[in-house]
C-alpha atoms as a PDB file:
ATOM      1  CA  MET A   1      18.607 -39.631  11.022  1.00  0.00           C
ATOM      2  CA  LEU A   2      19.495 -39.617   7.398  1.00  0.00           C
ATOM      3  CA  GLN A   3      21.076 -42.506   5.434  1.00  0.00           C
ATOM      4  CA  GLN A   4      23.577 -41.481   2.652  1.00  0.00           C
ATOM      5  CA  THR A   5      22.811 -43.532  -0.691  1.00  0.00           C
ATOM      6  CA  SER A   6      24.589 -43.286  -4.044  1.00  0.00           C
ATOM      7  CA  SER A   7      22.239 -40.754  -5.326  1.00  0.00           C
ATOM      8  CA  ASN A   8      20.720 -38.684  -2.714  1.00  0.00           C
ATOM      9  CA  VAL A   9      19.863 -38.536   0.990  1.00  0.00           C
ATOM     10  CA  VAL A  10      17.028 -40.541   2.351  1.00  0.00           C
ATOM     11  CA  PRO A  11      15.414 -40.210   5.787  1.00  0.00           C
ATOM     12  CA  ASP A  12      15.164 -43.227   7.984  1.00  0.00           C
ATOM     13  CA  LEU A  13      11.937 -45.175   8.272  1.00  0.00           C
ATOM     14  CA  PRO A  14       9.917 -45.109  11.148  1.00  0.00           C
ATOM     15  CA  PRO A  15      10.631 -47.946  13.661  1.00  0.00           C
ATOM     16  CA  GLU A  16       7.409 -49.260  13.414  1.00  0.00           C
ATOM     17  CA  LEU A  17       7.251 -49.307   9.627  1.00  0.00           C
ATOM     18  CA  LYS A  18      10.953 -50.877   9.719  1.00  0.00           C
ATOM     19  CA  GLN A  19       9.479 -53.726  12.032  1.00  0.00           C
ATOM     20  CA  SER A  20       6.381 -54.329   9.853  1.00  0.00           C
ATOM     21  CA  LEU A  21       8.612 -54.696   6.599  1.00  0.00           C
ATOM     22  CA  GLU A  22      11.048 -57.197   8.452  1.00  0.00           C
ATOM     23  CA  GLY A  23      10.743 -60.742   6.722  1.00  0.00           C
ATOM     24  CA  LYS A  24       8.127 -59.752   4.311  1.00  0.00           C
ATOM     25  CA  ASP A  25       8.230 -60.394   0.450  1.00  0.00           C
ATOM     26  CA  GLY A  26       8.944 -57.674  -1.929  1.00  0.00           C
ATOM     27  CA  ALA A  27       5.288 -57.432  -3.059  1.00  0.00           C
ATOM     28  CA  THR A  28       4.117 -56.783   0.498  1.00  0.00           C
ATOM     29  CA  THR A  29       7.005 -54.695   1.366  1.00  0.00           C
ATOM     30  CA  SER A  30       6.115 -52.501  -1.830  1.00  0.00           C
ATOM     31  CA  THR A  31       2.725 -52.161  -0.831  1.00  0.00           C
ATOM     32  CA  LEU A  32       3.245 -51.224   2.796  1.00  0.00           C
ATOM     33  CA  LEU A  33       5.796 -48.742   1.534  1.00  0.00           C
ATOM     34  CA  GLY A  34       3.310 -47.351  -0.981  1.00  0.00           C
ATOM     35  CA  ILE A  35       0.561 -47.013   1.551  1.00  0.00           C
ATOM     36  CA  TYR A  36       3.314 -45.036   3.906  1.00  0.00           C
ATOM     37  CA  ARG A  37       4.099 -42.709   1.062  1.00  0.00           C
ATOM     38  CA  THR A  38       0.243 -42.097   0.324  1.00  0.00           C
ATOM     39  CA  ARG A  39      -0.215 -41.223   3.790  1.00  0.00           C
ATOM     40  CA  LEU A  40       2.892 -38.982   3.791  1.00  0.00           C
ATOM     41  CA  GLY A  41       1.777 -37.352   0.776  1.00  0.00           C
ATOM     42  CA  GLU A  42      -1.681 -36.777   1.990  1.00  0.00           C
ATOM     43  CA  ARG A  43      -0.275 -35.115   4.996  1.00  0.00           C
ATOM     44  CA  ARG A  44       2.078 -33.011   3.163  1.00  0.00           C
ATOM     45  CA  THR A  45      -0.659 -31.740   0.868  1.00  0.00           C
ATOM     46  CA  GLY A  46      -2.863 -30.860   3.882  1.00  0.00           C
ATOM     47  CA  LEU A  47       0.429 -28.883   5.231  1.00  0.00           C
ATOM     48  CA  ALA A  48       0.648 -27.309   1.813  1.00  0.00           C
ATOM     49  CA  ASP A  49      -3.157 -26.330   1.817  1.00  0.00           C
ATOM     50  CA  LEU A  50      -2.521 -25.049   5.567  1.00  0.00           C
ATOM     51  CA  ARG A  51       0.485 -22.622   4.045  1.00  0.00           C
ATOM     52  CA  SER A  52      -1.688 -21.465   1.393  1.00  0.00           C
ATOM     53  CA  HIS A  53      -4.588 -20.458   3.671  1.00  0.00           C
ATOM     54  CA  LEU A  54      -2.101 -18.728   5.850  1.00  0.00           C
ATOM     55  CA  ALA A  55      -0.401 -16.734   3.057  1.00  0.00           C
ATOM     56  CA  ASN A  56      -3.941 -15.853   1.807  1.00  0.00           C
ATOM     57  CA  GLU A  57      -4.491 -14.511   5.244  1.00  0.00           C
ATOM     58  CA  ARG A  58      -1.352 -12.788   5.470  1.00  0.00           C
ATOM     59  CA  THR A  59      -1.949 -10.915   2.476  1.00  0.00           C
ATOM     60  CA  HIS A  60      -5.540 -10.009   3.331  1.00  0.00           C
ATOM     61  CA  LEU A  61      -4.197  -8.280   6.786  1.00  0.00           C
ATOM     62  CA  ALA A  62      -1.468  -6.408   4.571  1.00  0.00           C
ATOM     63  CA  TYR A  63      -4.357  -4.788   2.444  1.00  0.00           C
ATOM     64  CA  VAL A  64      -6.153  -4.255   5.818  1.00  0.00           C
ATOM     65  CA  ARG A  65      -3.065  -2.613   7.331  1.00  0.00           C
ATOM     66  CA  THR A  66      -2.622  -0.515   3.928  1.00  0.00           C
ATOM     67  CA  ALA A  67      -6.206   0.745   4.023  1.00  0.00           C
ATOM     68  CA  ILE A  68      -6.024   1.733   7.723  1.00  0.00           C
ATOM     69  CA  SER A  69      -3.175   3.722   7.049  1.00  0.00           C
ATOM     70  CA  LEU A  70      -4.693   5.496   4.070  1.00  0.00           C
ATOM     71  CA  ILE A  71      -7.826   6.202   5.938  1.00  0.00           C
ATOM     72  CA  SER A  72      -5.708   7.563   8.747  1.00  0.00           C
ATOM     73  CA  PHE A  73      -3.590   9.703   6.911  1.00  0.00           C
ATOM     74  CA  GLY A  74      -6.650  10.868   4.957  1.00  0.00           C
ATOM     75  CA  ILE A  75      -8.236  11.801   8.360  1.00  0.00           C
ATOM     76  CA  THR A  76      -5.207  13.691   9.359  1.00  0.00           C
ATOM     77  CA  LEU A  77      -5.023  15.688   6.231  1.00  0.00           C
ATOM     78  CA  ASN A  78      -8.467  16.482   6.598  1.00  0.00           C
ATOM     79  CA  ARG A  79      -8.347  17.702  10.279  1.00  0.00           C
ATOM     80  CA  PHE A  80      -5.213  19.598   9.535  1.00  0.00           C
ATOM     81  CA  MET A  81      -6.835  21.896   6.842  1.00  0.00           C
ATOM     82  CA  VAL A  82      -9.840  22.589   9.502  1.00  0.00           C
ATOM     83  CA  PHE A  83      -7.088  23.071  12.078  1.00  0.00           C
ATOM     84  CA  LEU A  84      -5.503  25.816   9.876  1.00  0.00           C
ATOM     85  CA  GLU A  85      -9.042  27.257   9.148  1.00  0.00           C
ATOM     86  CA  GLN A  86      -9.586  27.594  12.862  1.00  0.00           C
ATOM     87  CA  GLN A  87      -6.385  29.261  13.427  1.00  0.00           C
ATOM     88  CA  GLY A  88      -7.031  31.709  10.909  1.00  0.00           C
ATOM     89  CA  THR A  89      -3.991  30.823   8.776  1.00  0.00           C
ATOM     90  CA  ILE A  90      -6.105  30.223   5.879  1.00  0.00           C
ATOM     91  CA  LYS A  91      -9.790  31.153   4.941  1.00  0.00           C
ATOM     92  CA  PRO A  92     -12.081  28.205   4.652  1.00  0.00           C
ATOM     93  CA  GLY A  93     -12.089  26.591   1.208  1.00  0.00           C
ATOM     94  CA  GLN A  94      -9.047  28.703   0.353  1.00  0.00           C
ATOM     95  CA  GLY A  95      -5.671  27.082   0.899  1.00  0.00           C
ATOM     96  CA  THR A  96      -2.438  28.645   1.191  1.00  0.00           C
ATOM     97  CA  GLY A  97      -0.278  28.331  -2.089  1.00  0.00           C
ATOM     98  CA  HIS A  98      -0.609  25.530  -4.396  1.00  0.00           C
ATOM     99  CA  LEU A  99       0.338  22.912  -1.822  1.00  0.00           C
ATOM    100  CA  LEU A 100      -2.400  23.377   0.711  1.00  0.00           C
ATOM    101  CA  ARG A 101      -5.125  24.000  -1.649  1.00  0.00           C
ATOM    102  CA  ASN A 102      -8.056  21.699  -1.163  1.00  0.00           C
ATOM    103  CA  THR A 103      -6.038  19.574   1.273  1.00  0.00           C
ATOM    104  CA  GLY A 104      -9.369  18.475   2.857  1.00  0.00           C
ATOM    105  CA  ASP A 105     -10.528  17.053  -0.367  1.00  0.00           C
ATOM    106  CA  VAL A 106      -7.466  15.141  -0.848  1.00  0.00           C
ATOM    107  CA  GLY A 107      -7.755  13.670   2.705  1.00  0.00           C
ATOM    108  CA  GLY A 108     -11.304  12.651   2.053  1.00  0.00           C
ATOM    109  CA  GLY A 109     -10.058  10.952  -1.322  1.00  0.00           C
ATOM    110  CA  MET A 110      -7.674   8.958   0.574  1.00  0.00           C
ATOM    111  CA  VAL A 111     -10.391   7.889   2.952  1.00  0.00           C
ATOM    112  CA  VAL A 112     -12.603   6.868  -0.007  1.00  0.00           C
ATOM    113  CA  LEU A 113      -9.280   4.961  -1.356  1.00  0.00           C
ATOM    114  CA  GLY A 114      -8.822   3.411   1.861  1.00  0.00           C
ATOM    115  CA  LEU A 115     -12.261   2.161   1.984  1.00  0.00           C
ATOM    116  CA  VAL A 116     -12.085   0.947  -1.680  1.00  0.00           C
ATOM    117  CA  LEU A 117      -9.078  -1.070  -0.686  1.00  0.00           C
ATOM    118  CA  ILE A 118     -10.872  -2.695   2.144  1.00  0.00           C
ATOM    119  CA  VAL A 119     -13.750  -3.955  -0.446  1.00  0.00           C
ATOM    120  CA  TRP A 120     -10.972  -5.120  -2.815  1.00  0.00           C
ATOM    121  CA  SER A 121      -9.076  -7.092  -0.184  1.00  0.00           C
ATOM    122  CA  ILE A 122     -12.064  -9.003   1.017  1.00  0.00           C
ATOM    123  CA  TYR A 123     -13.125  -9.706  -2.688  1.00  0.00           C
ATOM    124  CA  ARG A 124      -9.373 -10.977  -3.301  1.00  0.00           C
ATOM    125  CA  TYR A 125      -9.284 -12.949   0.018  1.00  0.00           C
ATOM    126  CA  TRP A 126     -12.872 -14.733  -0.926  1.00  0.00           C
ATOM    127  CA  HIS A 127     -11.681 -15.165  -4.538  1.00  0.00           C
ATOM    128  CA  VAL A 128      -8.307 -16.856  -3.550  1.00  0.00           C
ATOM    129  CA  ASN A 129      -9.690 -18.954  -0.710  1.00  0.00           C
ATOM    130  CA  ARG A 130     -12.176 -20.362  -3.184  1.00  0.00           C
ATOM    131  CA  ASP A 131      -9.442 -21.181  -5.676  1.00  0.00           C
ATOM    132  CA  ILE A 132      -7.465 -22.982  -2.951  1.00  0.00           C
ATOM    133  CA  VAL A 133     -10.385 -24.889  -1.775  1.00  0.00           C
ATOM    134  CA  GLN A 134     -11.078 -26.034  -5.398  1.00  0.00           C
ATOM    135  CA  ALA A 135      -7.350 -26.346  -6.153  1.00  0.00           C
ATOM    136  CA  ASN A 136      -7.914 -24.288  -9.224  1.00  0.00           C
ATOM    137  CA  PHE A 137      -6.177 -21.077  -8.881  1.00  0.00           C
ATOM    138  CA  ARG A 138      -6.796 -18.426 -11.584  1.00  0.00           C
ATOM    139  CA  PRO A 139      -4.756 -15.145 -11.321  1.00  0.00           C
ATOM    140  CA  LEU A 140      -6.515 -11.671 -11.413  1.00  0.00           C
ATOM    141  CA  ASP A 141      -4.211 -10.297 -14.047  1.00  0.00           C
ATOM    142  CA  GLY A 142      -6.805  -7.879 -15.443  1.00  0.00           C
ATOM    143  CA  ALA A 143      -7.612  -6.576 -11.928  1.00  0.00           C
ATOM    144  CA  VAL A 144      -3.970  -6.157 -11.203  1.00  0.00           C
ATOM    145  CA  TYR A 145      -3.245  -4.411 -14.364  1.00  0.00           C
ATOM    146  CA  THR A 146      -6.351  -2.032 -14.251  1.00  0.00           C
ATOM    147  CA  LEU A 147      -5.338  -1.312 -10.596  1.00  0.00           C
ATOM    148  CA  THR A 148      -1.748  -0.504 -11.342  1.00  0.00           C
ATOM    149  CA  VAL A 149      -2.506   1.777 -14.236  1.00  0.00           C
ATOM    150  CA  LEU A 150      -5.312   3.580 -12.223  1.00  0.00           C
ATOM    151  CA  LEU A 151      -3.004   4.129  -9.209  1.00  0.00           C
ATOM    152  CA  PHE A 152      -0.215   5.427 -11.713  1.00  0.00           C
ATOM    153  CA  LEU A 153      -2.623   7.849 -13.356  1.00  0.00           C
ATOM    154  CA  ILE A 154      -3.908   9.076  -9.985  1.00  0.00           C
ATOM    155  CA  GLY A 155      -0.302   9.477  -8.533  1.00  0.00           C
ATOM    156  CA  GLY A 156       0.676  11.384 -11.853  1.00  0.00           C
ATOM    157  CA  LEU A 157      -2.323  13.843 -11.544  1.00  0.00           C
ATOM    158  CA  SER A 158      -1.631  14.027  -7.955  1.00  0.00           C
ATOM    159  CA  ALA A 159       2.219  15.090  -8.873  1.00  0.00           C
ATOM    160  CA  VAL A 160       1.008  17.403 -11.566  1.00  0.00           C
ATOM    161  CA  TRP A 161      -1.479  19.203  -9.083  1.00  0.00           C
ATOM    162  CA  LEU A 162       1.075  19.638  -6.589  1.00  0.00           C
ATOM    163  CA  LEU A 163       3.783  21.060  -8.689  1.00  0.00           C
ATOM    164  CA  PHE A 164       1.647  23.040 -11.534  1.00  0.00           C
ATOM    165  CA  ALA A 165      -1.681  24.045  -9.569  1.00  0.00           C
END
């Protein structure tokens, strides 16, 4: 139950705490309430740490899922190139037109990118986990900027390769 006060909503005190406060003087009441608030704060801090650890784990799993997708798609591209070569649609190492040229290499690159992403994800997980335990979070700004620019350049070069090669 919640009690309505003039300024905000305050939860009811637990019955055992209410009983222990009955008939006590102001100093004792204040001390008992302080102890209760401290314990409640410690519990909430523990829950906040738990949420932080679980969020870190979810982020790590998202990286792993993305890496698995990259690896799977890269293998699919590579095998598709081999299939086209075996069917005689293209000559080995040739490709057809500018879109399928070196598709096997692109597939291999995606597999390598997926493996690099897995290594990055475990490093990031370890780094953030250590920061949560030490209560000293330091963002990886440099790594985020570098990775973003690098992926932008790779994407741009891939677009140029697909359109003009």
